[in-house]
């Protein structure tokens, strides 16, 4: 396979929700959860999705998984339009795209054993039970759980062990793409490090492509090759991880990075740029740039029209009227 091959492509992808409010004077509001997002992820890349709650990260992931239908445009996985794919094509796509959920305790069925949870994807795809059991035990070994865990139930495992089982279940069909939704947020800090290193080892061994959703910028910086910054459904900045952290081009990105805990105690007392206010309502978006009500650099041009993504060079793009 060509290592530069595009495995995920979205072109001007949109997902809007209509909500009706009121009893006597009914009013229909439109929530633009994902609004005009164009993204290309290449084979073997780790791309991080960051942004405040309500920025559209999880909705974008649900679209890529075909769990919801887009309002406009589509998603291509390995060149296949997943929303217009045949049943056979979709069956194959389901094998190559997996997800690891945020809360492992909630994502594992408490009534079935670890072995049954890991085997289930194989059985759904027609693998004989004896072979499915063999492959499930092999995967458990890969994520550093011995065969004794095969017959245990989720409540008998620690949080880190539960997350390892979730990773095993996502990995058992030998996918090409794994979406990681806050993979370490429910774990202790020491366990987080173990899981992050495990994910990197698996990515290198199997040549996996990761799409990582997280509020923890330190996790994103540790894992990702590239970063997508989203706000109120829009992509505001996209680029290589080092460029985003060392030279953030958008005021929102600067605010996010400044809000992350500083690990070096010598730098904790330095003056930081902290974003003021709260995100606007998704029901009533501001005119022009969506950050206009919170941006310290906002001018009259920012209020007139939404800025388009501008190419800054070296795979770095930003949607900021000041940079145009």
C-alpha atoms as a PDB file:
ATOM      1  CA  UNK A   1       0.000   0.000   0.000  1.00  0.00           C
ATOM      2  CA  UNK A   2       1.091   3.527  -0.714  1.00  0.00           C
ATOM      3  CA  UNK A   3       1.847   5.146   2.661  1.00  0.00           C
ATOM      4  CA  UNK A   4       0.606   8.516   1.328  1.00  0.00           C
ATOM      5  CA  UNK A   5      -2.783   7.123   0.265  1.00  0.00           C
ATOM      6  CA  UNK A   6      -5.790   9.077   1.516  1.00  0.00           C
ATOM      7  CA  UNK A   7      -7.937   6.854   3.747  1.00  0.00           C
ATOM      8  CA  UNK A   8     -10.481   9.417   5.030  1.00  0.00           C
ATOM      9  CA  UNK A   9     -11.762  12.315   2.913  1.00  0.00           C
ATOM     10  CA  UNK A  10     -14.533  14.788   3.715  1.00  0.00           C
ATOM     11  CA  UNK A  11     -15.372  17.665   1.365  1.00  0.00           C
ATOM     12  CA  UNK A  12     -17.509  20.499   2.776  1.00  0.00           C
ATOM     13  CA  UNK A  13     -19.230  18.037   5.108  1.00  0.00           C
ATOM     14  CA  UNK A  14     -22.269  19.356   6.984  1.00  0.00           C
ATOM     15  CA  UNK A  15     -24.551  18.018   9.676  1.00  0.00           C
ATOM     16  CA  UNK A  16     -27.442  20.244  10.758  1.00  0.00           C
ATOM     17  CA  UNK A  17     -30.162  19.454  13.280  1.00  0.00           C
ATOM     18  CA  UNK A  18     -33.580  21.134  13.259  1.00  0.00           C
ATOM     19  CA  UNK A  19     -35.153  21.698  16.658  1.00  0.00           C
ATOM     20  CA  UNK A  20     -38.671  23.041  17.200  1.00  0.00           C
ATOM     21  CA  UNK A  21     -39.258  25.150  20.302  1.00  0.00           C
ATOM     22  CA  UNK A  22     -42.234  26.865  21.893  1.00  0.00           C
ATOM     23  CA  UNK A  23     -45.822  25.813  22.479  1.00  0.00           C
ATOM     24  CA  UNK A  24     -48.008  28.576  20.982  1.00  0.00           C
ATOM     25  CA  UNK A  25     -45.440  30.340  18.828  1.00  0.00           C
ATOM     26  CA  UNK A  26     -43.477  27.443  17.473  1.00  0.00           C
ATOM     27  CA  UNK A  27     -40.064  28.240  16.070  1.00  0.00           C
ATOM     28  CA  UNK A  28     -37.625  26.007  14.210  1.00  0.00           C
ATOM     29  CA  UNK A  29     -33.970  26.435  15.089  1.00  0.00           C
ATOM     30  CA  UNK A  30     -31.062  25.008  13.129  1.00  0.00           C
ATOM     31  CA  UNK A  31     -28.040  23.632  14.993  1.00  0.00           C
ATOM     32  CA  UNK A  32     -24.956  23.500  12.761  1.00  0.00           C
ATOM     33  CA  UNK A  33     -23.096  20.717  14.566  1.00  0.00           C
ATOM     34  CA  UNK A  34     -20.626  20.200  11.700  1.00  0.00           C
ATOM     35  CA  UNK A  35     -20.448  22.997   9.177  1.00  0.00           C
ATOM     36  CA  UNK A  36     -18.412  22.814   5.976  1.00  0.00           C
ATOM     37  CA  UNK A  37     -15.575  20.593   7.220  1.00  0.00           C
ATOM     38  CA  UNK A  38     -13.030  19.422   4.634  1.00  0.00           C
ATOM     39  CA  UNK A  39     -10.459  16.989   5.967  1.00  0.00           C
ATOM     40  CA  UNK A  40      -8.046  14.480   4.461  1.00  0.00           C
ATOM     41  CA  UNK A  41      -6.343  11.822   6.595  1.00  0.00           C
ATOM     42  CA  UNK A  42      -3.560   9.765   5.051  1.00  0.00           C
ATOM     43  CA  UNK A  43      -2.724   6.155   5.786  1.00  0.00           C
ATOM     44  CA  UNK A  44      -0.669   5.703   8.955  1.00  0.00           C
ATOM     45  CA  UNK A  45      -1.300   9.226  10.282  1.00  0.00           C
ATOM     46  CA  UNK A  46      -2.486  10.082  13.776  1.00  0.00           C
ATOM     47  CA  UNK A  47      -4.784  13.111  13.614  1.00  0.00           C
ATOM     48  CA  UNK A  48      -6.018  14.795  16.786  1.00  0.00           C
ATOM     49  CA  UNK A  49      -9.373  16.589  17.034  1.00  0.00           C
ATOM     50  CA  UNK A  50      -9.477  19.307  19.692  1.00  0.00           C
ATOM     51  CA  UNK A  51     -11.937  21.964  20.758  1.00  0.00           C
ATOM     52  CA  UNK A  52     -14.349  22.817  23.548  1.00  0.00           C
ATOM     53  CA  UNK A  53     -17.509  20.810  24.186  1.00  0.00           C
ATOM     54  CA  UNK A  54     -20.001  21.475  21.398  1.00  0.00           C
ATOM     55  CA  UNK A  55     -17.312  22.092  18.786  1.00  0.00           C
ATOM     56  CA  UNK A  56     -18.438  19.161  16.629  1.00  0.00           C
ATOM     57  CA  UNK A  57     -15.613  16.667  17.247  1.00  0.00           C
ATOM     58  CA  UNK A  58     -17.792  13.705  18.191  1.00  0.00           C
ATOM     59  CA  UNK A  59     -20.398  14.515  15.531  1.00  0.00           C
ATOM     60  CA  UNK A  60     -17.650  14.448  12.901  1.00  0.00           C
ATOM     61  CA  UNK A  61     -16.496  11.057  14.213  1.00  0.00           C
ATOM     62  CA  UNK A  62     -20.078   9.729  14.111  1.00  0.00           C
ATOM     63  CA  UNK A  63     -20.342  10.815  10.490  1.00  0.00           C
ATOM     64  CA  UNK A  64     -17.094   9.024   9.604  1.00  0.00           C
ATOM     65  CA  UNK A  65     -18.472   5.904  11.310  1.00  0.00           C
ATOM     66  CA  UNK A  66     -21.780   6.276   9.396  1.00  0.00           C
ATOM     67  CA  UNK A  67     -23.719   6.322  12.648  1.00  0.00           C
ATOM     68  CA  UNK A  68     -25.630   9.411  11.457  1.00  0.00           C
ATOM     69  CA  UNK A  69     -26.508  10.793   8.031  1.00  0.00           C
ATOM     70  CA  UNK A  70     -24.928  14.041   6.763  1.00  0.00           C
ATOM     71  CA  UNK A  71     -27.043  17.024   5.790  1.00  0.00           C
ATOM     72  CA  UNK A  72     -24.747  17.748   2.873  1.00  0.00           C
ATOM     73  CA  UNK A  73     -21.778  16.063   1.161  1.00  0.00           C
ATOM     74  CA  UNK A  74     -20.362  12.664   2.145  1.00  0.00           C
ATOM     75  CA  UNK A  75     -17.393  10.756   3.582  1.00  0.00           C
ATOM     76  CA  UNK A  76     -14.939   8.625   1.605  1.00  0.00           C
ATOM     77  CA  UNK A  77     -13.165   5.690   3.257  1.00  0.00           C
ATOM     78  CA  UNK A  78     -10.425   4.220   1.038  1.00  0.00           C
ATOM     79  CA  UNK A  79     -12.091   5.917  -1.919  1.00  0.00           C
ATOM     80  CA  UNK A  80     -15.571   4.491  -1.209  1.00  0.00           C
ATOM     81  CA  UNK A  81     -18.498   6.841  -0.610  1.00  0.00           C
ATOM     82  CA  UNK A  82     -19.835   5.283   2.590  1.00  0.00           C
ATOM     83  CA  UNK A  83     -23.251   6.939   2.334  1.00  0.00           C
ATOM     84  CA  UNK A  84     -23.862   5.558  -1.167  1.00  0.00           C
ATOM     85  CA  UNK A  85     -22.068   2.229  -0.766  1.00  0.00           C
ATOM     86  CA  UNK A  86     -23.620  -1.130  -1.553  1.00  0.00           C
ATOM     87  CA  UNK A  87     -24.325  -3.591   1.234  1.00  0.00           C
ATOM     88  CA  UNK A  88     -21.217  -5.579   0.350  1.00  0.00           C
ATOM     89  CA  UNK A  89     -19.014  -2.454   0.292  1.00  0.00           C
ATOM     90  CA  UNK A  90     -20.415  -1.296   3.629  1.00  0.00           C
ATOM     91  CA  UNK A  91     -19.778  -4.734   5.128  1.00  0.00           C
ATOM     92  CA  UNK A  92     -16.098  -4.394   4.202  1.00  0.00           C
ATOM     93  CA  UNK A  93     -15.910  -0.818   5.482  1.00  0.00           C
ATOM     94  CA  UNK A  94     -17.272  -1.957   8.855  1.00  0.00           C
ATOM     95  CA  UNK A  95     -14.260  -4.257   9.124  1.00  0.00           C
ATOM     96  CA  UNK A  96     -11.663  -1.557   8.520  1.00  0.00           C
ATOM     97  CA  UNK A  97     -13.059   1.219  10.752  1.00  0.00           C
ATOM     98  CA  UNK A  98     -13.295   0.678  14.534  1.00  0.00           C
ATOM     99  CA  UNK A  99     -13.821   2.854  17.583  1.00  0.00           C
ATOM    100  CA  UNK A 100     -12.609   2.922  21.191  1.00  0.00           C
ATOM    101  CA  UNK A 101     -15.173   4.708  23.349  1.00  0.00           C
ATOM    102  CA  UNK A 102     -14.529   7.212  26.120  1.00  0.00           C
ATOM    103  CA  UNK A 103     -15.885   5.192  29.047  1.00  0.00           C
ATOM    104  CA  UNK A 104     -14.762   1.543  28.889  1.00  0.00           C
ATOM    105  CA  UNK A 105     -17.069   0.505  31.753  1.00  0.00           C
ATOM    106  CA  UNK A 106     -20.112   1.815  29.867  1.00  0.00           C
ATOM    107  CA  UNK A 107     -19.069   0.396  26.496  1.00  0.00           C
ATOM    108  CA  UNK A 108     -18.596  -3.193  27.750  1.00  0.00           C
ATOM    109  CA  UNK A 109     -21.659  -5.358  28.353  1.00  0.00           C
ATOM    110  CA  UNK A 110     -21.598  -6.261  32.067  1.00  0.00           C
ATOM    111  CA  UNK A 111     -23.499  -9.511  31.424  1.00  0.00           C
ATOM    112  CA  UNK A 112     -20.968 -11.125  29.096  1.00  0.00           C
ATOM    113  CA  UNK A 113     -17.369 -12.117  29.617  1.00  0.00           C
ATOM    114  CA  UNK A 114     -14.305 -10.372  28.239  1.00  0.00           C
ATOM    115  CA  UNK A 115     -13.869 -13.200  25.756  1.00  0.00           C
ATOM    116  CA  UNK A 116     -17.414 -12.861  24.423  1.00  0.00           C
ATOM    117  CA  UNK A 117     -17.001  -9.070  24.088  1.00  0.00           C
ATOM    118  CA  UNK A 118     -13.800  -9.418  22.070  1.00  0.00           C
ATOM    119  CA  UNK A 119     -15.171 -12.288  19.959  1.00  0.00           C
ATOM    120  CA  UNK A 120     -18.453 -10.572  19.107  1.00  0.00           C
ATOM    121  CA  UNK A 121     -17.184  -8.549  16.094  1.00  0.00           C
ATOM    122  CA  UNK A 122     -15.652 -11.730  14.647  1.00  0.00           C
ATOM    123  CA  UNK A 123     -18.865 -13.712  15.090  1.00  0.00           C
ATOM    124  CA  UNK A 124     -20.920 -10.928  13.504  1.00  0.00           C
ATOM    125  CA  UNK A 125     -18.668 -11.097  10.446  1.00  0.00           C
ATOM    126  CA  UNK A 126     -19.070 -14.855  10.120  1.00  0.00           C
ATOM    127  CA  UNK A 127     -15.881 -16.196  11.721  1.00  0.00           C
ATOM    128  CA  UNK A 128     -16.423 -19.692  13.198  1.00  0.00           C
ATOM    129  CA  UNK A 129     -16.558 -19.636  16.993  1.00  0.00           C
ATOM    130  CA  UNK A 130     -13.477 -21.825  17.527  1.00  0.00           C
ATOM    131  CA  UNK A 131     -11.363 -19.592  15.290  1.00  0.00           C
ATOM    132  CA  UNK A 132     -12.892 -16.460  16.833  1.00  0.00           C
ATOM    133  CA  UNK A 133     -11.881 -17.667  20.299  1.00  0.00           C
ATOM    134  CA  UNK A 134      -8.338 -18.314  19.126  1.00  0.00           C
ATOM    135  CA  UNK A 135      -8.005 -14.898  17.527  1.00  0.00           C
ATOM    136  CA  UNK A 136      -9.539 -13.148  20.540  1.00  0.00           C
ATOM    137  CA  UNK A 137      -7.003 -14.765  22.883  1.00  0.00           C
ATOM    138  CA  UNK A 138      -4.175 -13.694  20.555  1.00  0.00           C
ATOM    139  CA  UNK A 139      -5.394 -10.092  20.620  1.00  0.00           C
ATOM    140  CA  UNK A 140      -5.662 -10.115  24.419  1.00  0.00           C
ATOM    141  CA  UNK A 141      -2.021 -11.178  24.534  1.00  0.00           C
ATOM    142  CA  UNK A 142      -1.138  -8.254  22.242  1.00  0.00           C
ATOM    143  CA  UNK A 143      -2.647  -5.771  24.683  1.00  0.00           C
ATOM    144  CA  UNK A 144      -0.827  -7.421  27.611  1.00  0.00           C
ATOM    145  CA  UNK A 145      -3.708  -9.371  29.162  1.00  0.00           C
ATOM    146  CA  UNK A 146      -3.191 -13.127  29.533  1.00  0.00           C
ATOM    147  CA  UNK A 147      -5.800 -15.771  28.760  1.00  0.00           C
ATOM    148  CA  UNK A 148      -7.033 -15.802  32.374  1.00  0.00           C
ATOM    149  CA  UNK A 149      -8.946 -12.612  31.580  1.00  0.00           C
ATOM    150  CA  UNK A 150     -10.912 -14.349  28.833  1.00  0.00           C
ATOM    151  CA  UNK A 151     -13.532 -15.691  31.252  1.00  0.00           C
ATOM    152  CA  UNK A 152     -13.725 -12.630  33.522  1.00  0.00           C
ATOM    153  CA  UNK A 153     -16.492 -10.028  33.584  1.00  0.00           C
ATOM    154  CA  UNK A 154     -15.943  -6.258  33.183  1.00  0.00           C
ATOM    155  CA  UNK A 155     -16.648  -5.511  36.867  1.00  0.00           C
ATOM    156  CA  UNK A 156     -13.693  -7.754  37.801  1.00  0.00           C
ATOM    157  CA  UNK A 157     -11.269  -5.520  35.908  1.00  0.00           C
ATOM    158  CA  UNK A 158      -9.609  -2.214  36.731  1.00  0.00           C
ATOM    159  CA  UNK A 159     -10.275   0.861  34.560  1.00  0.00           C
ATOM    160  CA  UNK A 160      -7.034   0.365  32.661  1.00  0.00           C
ATOM    161  CA  UNK A 161      -7.800  -3.306  32.028  1.00  0.00           C
ATOM    162  CA  UNK A 162     -11.307  -2.423  30.807  1.00  0.00           C
ATOM    163  CA  UNK A 163      -9.821   0.053  28.347  1.00  0.00           C
ATOM    164  CA  UNK A 164      -7.363  -2.583  27.126  1.00  0.00           C
ATOM    165  CA  UNK A 165     -10.311  -4.896  26.451  1.00  0.00           C
ATOM    166  CA  UNK A 166     -12.025  -2.087  24.510  1.00  0.00           C
ATOM    167  CA  UNK A 167      -8.864  -1.671  22.444  1.00  0.00           C
ATOM    168  CA  UNK A 168      -8.706  -5.433  21.861  1.00  0.00           C
ATOM    169  CA  UNK A 169     -12.312  -5.456  20.655  1.00  0.00           C
ATOM    170  CA  UNK A 170     -11.579  -2.589  18.265  1.00  0.00           C
ATOM    171  CA  UNK A 171      -8.440  -4.342  17.006  1.00  0.00           C
ATOM    172  CA  UNK A 172      -9.726  -7.898  16.602  1.00  0.00           C
ATOM    173  CA  UNK A 173     -10.987  -7.438  13.010  1.00  0.00           C
ATOM    174  CA  UNK A 174      -7.591  -6.029  11.997  1.00  0.00           C
ATOM    175  CA  UNK A 175      -8.926  -2.593  11.006  1.00  0.00           C
ATOM    176  CA  UNK A 176      -7.025   0.102   9.156  1.00  0.00           C
ATOM    177  CA  UNK A 177      -8.644   3.047  10.970  1.00  0.00           C
ATOM    178  CA  UNK A 178      -9.438   3.414  14.676  1.00  0.00           C
ATOM    179  CA  UNK A 179     -11.314   6.374  16.126  1.00  0.00           C
ATOM    180  CA  UNK A 180     -10.293   7.034  19.734  1.00  0.00           C
ATOM    181  CA  UNK A 181     -12.892   9.071  21.637  1.00  0.00           C
ATOM    182  CA  UNK A 182     -11.226  10.435  24.790  1.00  0.00           C
ATOM    183  CA  UNK A 183      -9.305   7.145  25.231  1.00  0.00           C
ATOM    184  CA  UNK A 184      -7.680   8.089  28.549  1.00  0.00           C
ATOM    185  CA  UNK A 185     -10.071  10.563  30.208  1.00  0.00           C
ATOM    186  CA  UNK A 186     -11.538   7.965  32.610  1.00  0.00           C
ATOM    187  CA  UNK A 187      -8.154   6.608  33.708  1.00  0.00           C
ATOM    188  CA  UNK A 188      -5.618   7.395  36.425  1.00  0.00           C
ATOM    189  CA  UNK A 189      -2.599   9.364  35.235  1.00  0.00           C
ATOM    190  CA  UNK A 190      -0.182   6.419  35.519  1.00  0.00           C
ATOM    191  CA  UNK A 191      -2.576   4.163  33.593  1.00  0.00           C
ATOM    192  CA  UNK A 192      -3.004   6.868  30.955  1.00  0.00           C
ATOM    193  CA  UNK A 193       0.701   6.648  30.133  1.00  0.00           C
ATOM    194  CA  UNK A 194       0.497   2.871  29.757  1.00  0.00           C
ATOM    195  CA  UNK A 195      -2.506   3.090  27.422  1.00  0.00           C
ATOM    196  CA  UNK A 196      -0.943   5.862  25.301  1.00  0.00           C
ATOM    197  CA  UNK A 197       2.266   3.874  24.859  1.00  0.00           C
ATOM    198  CA  UNK A 198       0.244   0.760  24.019  1.00  0.00           C
ATOM    199  CA  UNK A 199      -1.694   2.679  21.361  1.00  0.00           C
ATOM    200  CA  UNK A 200       1.536   3.956  19.794  1.00  0.00           C
ATOM    201  CA  UNK A 201       3.058   0.463  19.789  1.00  0.00           C
ATOM    202  CA  UNK A 202      -0.041  -0.982  18.110  1.00  0.00           C
ATOM    203  CA  UNK A 203      -0.146   1.847  15.585  1.00  0.00           C
ATOM    204  CA  UNK A 204       3.442   1.202  14.580  1.00  0.00           C
ATOM    205  CA  UNK A 205       3.065  -2.597  14.469  1.00  0.00           C
ATOM    206  CA  UNK A 206      -0.131  -2.659  12.412  1.00  0.00           C
ATOM    207  CA  UNK A 207       0.286   0.575  10.438  1.00  0.00           C
ATOM    208  CA  UNK A 208      -2.967   1.919  11.864  1.00  0.00           C
ATOM    209  CA  UNK A 209      -4.531   5.300  11.155  1.00  0.00           C
ATOM    210  CA  UNK A 210      -5.868   7.018  14.291  1.00  0.00           C
ATOM    211  CA  UNK A 211      -8.390   9.808  14.655  1.00  0.00           C
ATOM    212  CA  UNK A 212      -8.062  10.940  18.286  1.00  0.00           C
ATOM    213  CA  UNK A 213     -10.674  13.075  20.066  1.00  0.00           C
ATOM    214  CA  UNK A 214      -9.535  14.619  23.331  1.00  0.00           C
ATOM    215  CA  UNK A 215      -9.803  17.687  25.558  1.00  0.00           C
ATOM    216  CA  UNK A 216      -6.363  16.902  26.966  1.00  0.00           C
ATOM    217  CA  UNK A 217      -3.894  18.793  24.792  1.00  0.00           C
ATOM    218  CA  UNK A 218      -0.928  17.036  26.395  1.00  0.00           C
ATOM    219  CA  UNK A 219      -2.371  13.699  25.211  1.00  0.00           C
ATOM    220  CA  UNK A 220      -2.960  15.119  21.732  1.00  0.00           C
ATOM    221  CA  UNK A 221       0.575  16.490  21.518  1.00  0.00           C
ATOM    222  CA  UNK A 222       2.044  13.164  22.632  1.00  0.00           C
ATOM    223  CA  UNK A 223       0.048  11.066  20.157  1.00  0.00           C
ATOM    224  CA  UNK A 224      -0.686  13.135  17.076  1.00  0.00           C
ATOM    225  CA  UNK A 225       1.107  13.880  13.829  1.00  0.00           C
ATOM    226  CA  UNK A 226      -1.449  16.536  12.877  1.00  0.00           C
ATOM    227  CA  UNK A 227      -4.103  18.499  14.743  1.00  0.00           C
ATOM    228  CA  UNK A 228      -7.550  19.767  13.740  1.00  0.00           C
ATOM    229  CA  UNK A 229      -8.904  22.638  15.860  1.00  0.00           C
ATOM    230  CA  UNK A 230     -12.717  22.934  15.823  1.00  0.00           C
ATOM    231  CA  UNK A 231     -15.085  25.528  17.252  1.00  0.00           C
ATOM    232  CA  UNK A 232     -18.891  25.654  16.962  1.00  0.00           C
ATOM    233  CA  UNK A 233     -18.885  23.159  14.106  1.00  0.00           C
ATOM    234  CA  UNK A 234     -16.144  24.869  12.102  1.00  0.00           C
ATOM    235  CA  UNK A 235     -12.548  23.899  11.455  1.00  0.00           C
ATOM    236  CA  UNK A 236     -10.461  26.899  12.520  1.00  0.00           C
ATOM    237  CA  UNK A 237      -6.938  25.534  12.162  1.00  0.00           C
ATOM    238  CA  UNK A 238      -5.223  22.436  10.835  1.00  0.00           C
ATOM    239  CA  UNK A 239      -1.558  21.526  10.650  1.00  0.00           C
ATOM    240  CA  UNK A 240       1.406  19.545  11.885  1.00  0.00           C
ATOM    241  CA  UNK A 241       1.467  19.103  15.656  1.00  0.00           C
ATOM    242  CA  UNK A 242       4.714  20.991  16.232  1.00  0.00           C
ATOM    243  CA  UNK A 243       3.534  23.912  14.091  1.00  0.00           C
ATOM    244  CA  UNK A 244       0.205  24.116  15.913  1.00  0.00           C
ATOM    245  CA  UNK A 245       1.810  24.116  19.363  1.00  0.00           C
ATOM    246  CA  UNK A 246       4.887  26.207  18.552  1.00  0.00           C
ATOM    247  CA  UNK A 247       3.257  28.717  16.178  1.00  0.00           C
ATOM    248  CA  UNK A 248      -0.533  28.707  16.586  1.00  0.00           C
ATOM    249  CA  UNK A 249      -2.039  30.981  13.946  1.00  0.00           C
ATOM    250  CA  UNK A 250      -5.600  31.317  15.249  1.00  0.00           C
ATOM    251  CA  UNK A 251      -6.484  33.200  18.473  1.00  0.00           C
ATOM    252  CA  UNK A 252      -8.716  30.292  19.519  1.00  0.00           C
ATOM    253  CA  UNK A 253      -5.842  27.825  19.174  1.00  0.00           C
ATOM    254  CA  UNK A 254      -3.639  30.107  21.271  1.00  0.00           C
ATOM    255  CA  UNK A 255      -6.362  30.198  23.919  1.00  0.00           C
ATOM    256  CA  UNK A 256      -6.710  26.411  23.990  1.00  0.00           C
ATOM    257  CA  UNK A 257      -2.966  25.858  24.304  1.00  0.00           C
ATOM    258  CA  UNK A 258      -2.670  28.482  27.043  1.00  0.00           C
ATOM    259  CA  UNK A 259      -5.440  26.765  29.016  1.00  0.00           C
ATOM    260  CA  UNK A 260      -3.548  23.453  29.165  1.00  0.00           C
ATOM    261  CA  UNK A 261      -1.640  22.698  32.391  1.00  0.00           C
ATOM    262  CA  UNK A 262       2.043  23.668  32.171  1.00  0.00           C
ATOM    263  CA  UNK A 263       4.282  20.716  32.959  1.00  0.00           C
ATOM    264  CA  UNK A 264       7.499  22.687  33.406  1.00  0.00           C
ATOM    265  CA  UNK A 265       7.382  24.410  36.838  1.00  0.00           C
ATOM    266  CA  UNK A 266       9.816  27.066  35.593  1.00  0.00           C
ATOM    267  CA  UNK A 267       7.198  28.293  33.103  1.00  0.00           C
ATOM    268  CA  UNK A 268       4.104  28.280  35.302  1.00  0.00           C
ATOM    269  CA  UNK A 269       4.346  31.924  36.343  1.00  0.00           C
ATOM    270  CA  UNK A 270       4.702  33.264  32.820  1.00  0.00           C
ATOM    271  CA  UNK A 271       1.932  35.492  31.537  1.00  0.00           C
ATOM    272  CA  UNK A 272      -0.520  33.532  29.403  1.00  0.00           C
ATOM    273  CA  UNK A 273      -3.143  34.507  26.866  1.00  0.00           C
ATOM    274  CA  UNK A 274      -6.453  33.313  28.326  1.00  0.00           C
ATOM    275  CA  UNK A 275      -9.625  33.427  26.294  1.00  0.00           C
ATOM    276  CA  UNK A 276     -12.507  35.342  27.863  1.00  0.00           C
ATOM    277  CA  UNK A 277     -16.225  34.567  27.849  1.00  0.00           C
ATOM    278  CA  UNK A 278     -18.062  31.442  26.827  1.00  0.00           C
ATOM    279  CA  UNK A 279     -18.850  29.869  23.478  1.00  0.00           C
ATOM    280  CA  UNK A 280     -21.881  31.302  21.687  1.00  0.00           C
ATOM    281  CA  UNK A 281     -25.041  29.240  21.371  1.00  0.00           C
ATOM    282  CA  UNK A 282     -25.206  26.814  18.472  1.00  0.00           C
ATOM    283  CA  UNK A 283     -28.776  28.083  17.956  1.00  0.00           C
ATOM    284  CA  UNK A 284     -27.732  31.686  17.392  1.00  0.00           C
ATOM    285  CA  UNK A 285     -24.301  31.812  15.810  1.00  0.00           C
ATOM    286  CA  UNK A 286     -22.593  35.218  15.518  1.00  0.00           C
ATOM    287  CA  UNK A 287     -22.239  36.828  12.112  1.00  0.00           C
ATOM    288  CA  UNK A 288     -18.876  36.573  10.451  1.00  0.00           C
ATOM    289  CA  UNK A 289     -16.177  34.688  12.368  1.00  0.00           C
ATOM    290  CA  UNK A 290     -17.645  32.397  15.015  1.00  0.00           C
ATOM    291  CA  UNK A 291     -15.059  33.507  17.544  1.00  0.00           C
ATOM    292  CA  UNK A 292     -15.807  37.202  17.032  1.00  0.00           C
ATOM    293  CA  UNK A 293     -17.503  37.690  20.427  1.00  0.00           C
ATOM    294  CA  UNK A 294     -14.457  36.288  22.280  1.00  0.00           C
ATOM    295  CA  UNK A 295     -11.515  37.199  20.068  1.00  0.00           C
ATOM    296  CA  UNK A 296      -9.182  39.978  21.316  1.00  0.00           C
ATOM    297  CA  UNK A 297      -8.059  40.670  17.729  1.00  0.00           C
ATOM    298  CA  UNK A 298     -11.575  41.029  16.284  1.00  0.00           C
ATOM    299  CA  UNK A 299     -12.096  43.910  13.855  1.00  0.00           C
ATOM    300  CA  UNK A 300     -14.899  45.063  11.545  1.00  0.00           C
ATOM    301  CA  UNK A 301     -13.784  42.676   8.813  1.00  0.00           C
ATOM    302  CA  UNK A 302     -14.234  39.716  11.149  1.00  0.00           C
ATOM    303  CA  UNK A 303     -17.895  40.653  11.635  1.00  0.00           C
ATOM    304  CA  UNK A 304     -18.707  40.830   7.936  1.00  0.00           C
ATOM    305  CA  UNK A 305     -18.038  37.306   6.633  1.00  0.00           C
ATOM    306  CA  UNK A 306     -16.821  33.927   7.773  1.00  0.00           C
ATOM    307  CA  UNK A 307     -13.132  33.549   6.918  1.00  0.00           C
ATOM    308  CA  UNK A 308     -12.142  30.652   4.666  1.00  0.00           C
ATOM    309  CA  UNK A 309      -9.252  28.313   5.393  1.00  0.00           C
ATOM    310  CA  UNK A 310      -6.045  29.955   4.206  1.00  0.00           C
ATOM    311  CA  UNK A 311      -2.917  27.994   3.312  1.00  0.00           C
ATOM    312  CA  UNK A 312       0.046  29.219   5.357  1.00  0.00           C
ATOM    313  CA  UNK A 313       2.401  26.663   3.812  1.00  0.00           C
ATOM    314  CA  UNK A 314       3.885  23.445   5.199  1.00  0.00           C
ATOM    315  CA  UNK A 315       0.415  21.831   5.495  1.00  0.00           C
ATOM    316  CA  UNK A 316      -0.727  24.574   7.864  1.00  0.00           C
ATOM    317  CA  UNK A 317      -4.203  26.073   7.325  1.00  0.00           C
ATOM    318  CA  UNK A 318      -6.111  28.669   9.322  1.00  0.00           C
ATOM    319  CA  UNK A 319      -9.547  30.278   9.062  1.00  0.00           C
ATOM    320  CA  UNK A 320      -8.850  33.768  10.362  1.00  0.00           C
ATOM    321  CA  UNK A 321      -9.673  37.047   8.627  1.00  0.00           C
ATOM    322  CA  UNK A 322      -6.591  38.676  10.145  1.00  0.00           C
ATOM    323  CA  UNK A 323      -4.369  36.138   8.367  1.00  0.00           C
ATOM    324  CA  UNK A 324      -6.018  36.567   4.946  1.00  0.00           C
END
